[in-house]
Amino acid sequence: MVHGKLRDGDYYWETMNEVVQRAKEVGYPGSSRESIVIAPQLFSTVFNSGQYKPRQLAWGDLNAWQAGSVATHPSGTNFSSMDALDALLDDVSDREKYPNMKNVTIVGHGGGGQLIQRYAAVGKDPPDHIWVRYIHGDASSCAYFTTDRSIMRDEDIAPDACEFYNTWRYGFDQFPGTIHGRKSPKEYFRQYITRDVISIVGYRDVKSNGDTSCMARAQGGTKRRDRNLVWYRYINTLARTSEDLDGFPGDFDNLPDWSSVSNGSVSLRLSVVEDAAHDVAEVLKSENGLSALFSDGDVYAGWRPKSKN
């Protein structure tokens, strides 16, 4: 369970632990399995000085870990937050340590949601005996696989006037890769759409207090909610799926056809929490959140545009 920009891993652990316990108490389907809650702490060299050890990772830029950037501590390290997640997944997949481990759910909300969205695309493949689900919630931005951006008819957004709109974290220009190397955006797209990925979105997450850069606004305006709904349209349109996208925000002109990669299908699922704002507890304690965390089958979709009712 990856924290947000405030780096409050303790709160996120408490929240997830409450969700798991509540689900068990009410007998929510799928919650009866034994669970371990882990909440990594991603340190800032500015705000967490003295809290980390000489060989632990920390980042000089306050939000660099959200994009999977390389840490600045220890000096000379080439490990990024992506590599840290890979290492954590390797650890919990170790059969000698956890012989009964079968499923790992990697969850991030807010800033953590940004990291998990990108990790779902570029993280290394898990071992064959582990099923991994990636849940990214209320991210301020996503890493686009092409240079295309939505045309927002009701927003004064012009990506062409935003010089760095496709640089990494917003796109794959200048993506540094991980310690395992670097692939093409199309290869990362294939990984993202074939993995068990859920985008969970608070429908009331509409305040303009997230990433306000032109790079982020080019992804769907000022609201995190709209950017994530546009992302869902983008992935399905790029893959040329048959998903009904009528009523979703955004419009793409001349988006390339990557159906040769997707075969017209994606594993990405969208769950919209109608009564949640930018609040991890509201999101995860909802019917949507419980379904995303514990369901082995269909995930509760929640809100959809009126045209789909």
Foldseek 3Di string as FASTA:
>chain_A
DEEALVQPQVVVQVLVVVLLVVCVVVVPFQSPDDDDGDYDGAAECVPCPPPDDQQDFHAPPSLQLLLQAAGPGPPPDQATNLNVVLVVLVVCPPCVVPVPAQEEEAEAAESGLSNLLVSLLARDDHDPRHAYETERELYLAAADLDPWAFDFPPAPADVVVAVCLQDPPRYPNPPPHGPVDDDHSLSSLLSNFAGNYEYEYEPAQADQPGDPGSSSCSQAHRGSRLSVLSVVVLSLVQLQAPDDSPPRGTDTDPRHHPVVSVVRGGNYAYAYQHHDYSDPSSRLNDQQNSQSVRPPDDGHRYDDGPVVD
